Amino acid sequence: MDYLKTIRVLVGAEEKEYIIPEYLLTSTSAFFKVAGSQKWKEGQDRTVRLPEQDLELWTAYLHWKFTHSLTASKGSGSSKKSETKVDGWQRVILLWITADQLQDLHLQNKAADQILAYLKDRKDIAGPDNVSIAWASTVPESSLRRLLIDGYVDSDVALDSA
């Protein structure tokens, strides 16, 4: 493993540039493993473009890659809104979707663990806006969809409406 090799990642429509150690990106992401291979133009140029990627989600993804934590620290430079239930749900759902797009199973599993913790600790559900985001961004057989449905069926909310 060459710790000095880097991949240049251009994120969003404005192509904000990130230079990241290749091993960090390819260690858990099938997308970056393929994009970084010499078979592809991106691998030969050592540049990957993610024009549709949201900068805030990309920053959260990088935070995960470097720290294995889903929450940003106070000094991380991210905007710190007061995190409500909906904000927390939306963030973890969007991180799961980002991990799905980048084929990073480790982050998908961590996001799923966070969703399960929300369901257990808060006794609430993701809510219609967040479920709509999940439905619009995933395939019908998505494990995220199944997790949200199972969470609703097992919730106090489902029991109250019966």
Protein backbone atom coordinates (compact mmCIF):
# COMPACT_ATOMS: atom_id res chain seq x y z
CA MET A 1 0.00 0.00 0.00
CA ASP A 2 1.42 3.33 -1.06
CA TYR A 3 0.47 5.93 1.55
CA LEU A 4 1.77 8.77 -0.60
CA LYS A 5 -0.54 8.21 -3.59
CA THR A 6 -3.42 10.64 -3.71
CA ILE A 7 -6.62 11.10 -5.65
CA ARG A 8 -7.85 14.52 -6.63
CA VAL A 9 -11.62 14.78 -6.12
CA LEU A 10 -13.59 17.65 -7.64
CA VAL A 11 -16.90 18.05 -5.83
CA GLY A 12 -20.09 19.84 -6.84
CA ALA A 13 -20.85 22.03 -9.83
CA GLU A 14 -18.13 24.47 -8.72
CA GLU A 15 -15.59 21.58 -8.60
CA LYS A 16 -14.20 22.26 -5.13
CA GLU A 17 -10.88 20.44 -5.04
CA TYR A 18 -9.86 17.86 -2.43
CA ILE A 19 -6.58 15.97 -2.48
CA ILE A 20 -7.08 12.77 -0.48
CA PRO A 21 -4.87 9.76 0.21
CA GLU A 22 -5.91 7.02 -2.21
CA TYR A 23 -5.84 4.29 0.44
CA LEU A 24 -8.35 6.24 2.54
CA LEU A 25 -10.89 6.38 -0.29
CA THR A 26 -10.31 2.92 -1.73
CA SER A 27 -10.18 1.02 1.57
CA THR A 28 -13.97 0.77 1.86
CA SER A 29 -15.43 2.31 -1.31
CA ALA A 30 -15.91 0.07 -4.34
CA PHE A 31 -16.63 3.21 -6.36
CA PHE A 32 -13.21 4.72 -5.61
CA LYS A 33 -11.46 1.36 -6.10
CA VAL A 34 -12.80 1.22 -9.65
CA ALA A 35 -12.38 4.94 -10.36
CA GLY A 36 -8.78 4.81 -9.15
CA SER A 37 -7.82 1.84 -11.32
CA GLN A 38 -5.65 2.41 -14.38
CA LYS A 39 -8.41 0.99 -16.63
CA TRP A 40 -10.37 4.22 -16.31
CA LYS A 41 -9.52 7.75 -17.38
CA GLU A 42 -10.08 8.90 -13.78
CA GLY A 43 -7.49 6.43 -12.54
CA GLN A 44 -4.97 7.50 -15.14
CA ASP A 45 -5.55 11.21 -14.42
CA ARG A 46 -5.83 10.57 -10.65
CA THR A 47 -8.90 12.86 -10.75
CA VAL A 48 -12.49 11.93 -9.90
CA ARG A 49 -15.32 14.36 -10.57
CA LEU A 50 -18.47 14.28 -8.44
CA PRO A 51 -20.47 17.15 -10.00
CA GLU A 52 -23.78 16.24 -8.34
CA GLN A 53 -22.34 15.61 -4.88
CA ASP A 54 -23.45 18.03 -2.15
CA LEU A 55 -20.44 19.72 -0.49
CA GLU A 56 -21.81 19.38 3.03
CA LEU A 57 -22.46 15.66 2.55
CA TRP A 58 -19.03 15.22 1.00
CA THR A 59 -17.49 16.90 4.04
CA ALA A 60 -19.50 14.57 6.30
CA TYR A 61 -18.26 11.61 4.23
CA LEU A 62 -14.65 12.73 4.61
CA HIS A 63 -15.20 13.26 8.33
CA TRP A 64 -16.37 9.64 8.52
CA LYS A 65 -13.38 8.43 6.50
CA PHE A 66 -10.88 10.18 8.79
CA THR A 67 -12.59 9.68 12.18
CA HIS A 68 -15.17 6.88 11.83
CA SER A 69 -17.62 9.21 13.52
CA LEU A 70 -20.94 10.33 12.04
CA THR A 71 -21.03 13.59 13.95
CA ALA A 72 -18.73 16.50 13.27
CA SER A 73 -16.74 17.95 16.11
CA LYS A 74 -17.14 21.61 17.07
CA GLY A 75 -13.89 22.51 15.35
CA SER A 76 -14.74 20.76 12.07
CA GLY A 77 -15.81 23.89 10.25
CA SER A 78 -19.31 22.63 9.52
CA SER A 79 -22.29 24.77 10.30
CA LYS A 80 -23.63 23.79 13.70
CA LYS A 81 -27.37 24.16 13.69
CA SER A 82 -29.22 22.98 16.73
CA GLU A 83 -29.83 19.37 15.81
CA THR A 84 -33.49 18.46 16.08
CA LYS A 85 -34.89 14.99 15.53
CA VAL A 86 -35.63 15.82 11.91
CA ASP A 87 -32.13 17.23 11.32
CA GLY A 88 -30.56 14.10 12.80
CA TRP A 89 -32.81 11.82 10.77
CA GLN A 90 -32.18 13.75 7.57
CA ARG A 91 -28.42 13.77 8.09
CA VAL A 92 -28.17 10.03 8.70
CA ILE A 93 -30.48 9.22 5.77
CA LEU A 94 -28.45 11.45 3.45
CA LEU A 95 -25.21 9.88 4.69
CA TRP A 96 -26.63 6.42 3.97
CA ILE A 97 -27.58 7.57 0.45
CA THR A 98 -24.10 9.07 -0.10
CA ALA A 99 -22.51 5.82 1.08
CA ASP A 100 -24.77 3.91 -1.30
CA GLN A 101 -23.73 6.11 -4.22
CA LEU A 102 -20.03 5.72 -3.34
CA GLN A 103 -20.53 2.01 -2.60
CA ASP A 104 -19.13 2.32 0.91
CA LEU A 105 -20.72 -0.54 2.83
CA HIS A 106 -18.96 0.39 6.09
CA LEU A 107 -20.61 3.80 6.20
CA GLN A 108 -23.96 2.35 5.15
CA ASN A 109 -23.77 -0.06 8.09
CA LYS A 110 -22.79 2.73 10.49
CA ALA A 111 -25.68 4.90 9.27
CA ALA A 112 -28.06 1.93 9.65
CA ASP A 113 -26.78 1.47 13.23
CA GLN A 114 -27.53 5.15 13.89
CA ILE A 115 -31.05 4.77 12.47
CA LEU A 116 -31.62 1.77 14.74
CA ALA A 117 -30.37 3.80 17.71
CA TYR A 118 -32.79 6.62 16.82
CA LEU A 119 -35.65 4.16 16.64
CA LYS A 120 -34.73 2.58 19.97
CA ASP A 121 -33.79 5.69 21.98
CA ARG A 122 -36.26 8.25 20.66
CA LYS A 123 -39.29 6.07 20.02
CA ASP A 124 -40.00 8.13 16.93
CA ILE A 125 -39.82 7.66 13.18
CA ALA A 126 -38.05 9.46 10.36
CA GLY A 127 -41.11 11.48 9.29
CA PRO A 128 -42.64 11.95 5.85
CA ASP A 129 -40.13 14.49 4.50
CA ASN A 130 -37.15 12.30 5.36
CA VAL A 131 -38.84 9.14 4.10
CA SER A 132 -39.57 10.98 0.83
CA ILE A 133 -35.85 11.75 0.50
CA ALA A 134 -35.04 8.07 1.04
CA TRP A 135 -37.66 6.93 -1.48
CA ALA A 136 -36.55 9.40 -4.15
CA SER A 137 -32.89 8.40 -3.83
CA THR A 138 -33.02 4.62 -3.51
CA VAL A 139 -34.16 1.59 -5.47
CA PRO A 140 -37.31 -0.29 -4.38
CA GLU A 141 -35.31 -3.17 -2.84
CA SER A 142 -33.10 -0.80 -0.83
CA SER A 143 -32.22 -1.87 2.69
CA LEU A 144 -32.75 1.75 3.78
CA ARG A 145 -36.39 1.55 2.70
CA ARG A 146 -36.86 -1.73 4.54
CA LEU A 147 -35.24 -0.31 7.66
CA LEU A 148 -37.52 2.75 7.67
CA ILE A 149 -40.63 0.62 7.07
CA ASP A 150 -39.64 -1.83 9.82
CA GLY A 151 -38.97 1.10 12.15
CA TYR A 152 -42.42 2.52 11.47
CA VAL A 153 -44.19 -0.82 11.93
CA ASP A 154 -42.34 -1.41 15.22
CA SER A 155 -42.84 2.15 16.52
CA ASP A 156 -45.20 3.58 19.09
CA VAL A 157 -46.48 5.84 16.29
CA ALA A 158 -47.73 2.82 14.31
CA LEU A 159 -49.43 1.47 17.45
CA ASP A 160 -51.09 4.82 18.20
CA SER A 161 -52.60 5.07 14.71
CA ALA A 162 -53.99 1.51 14.75
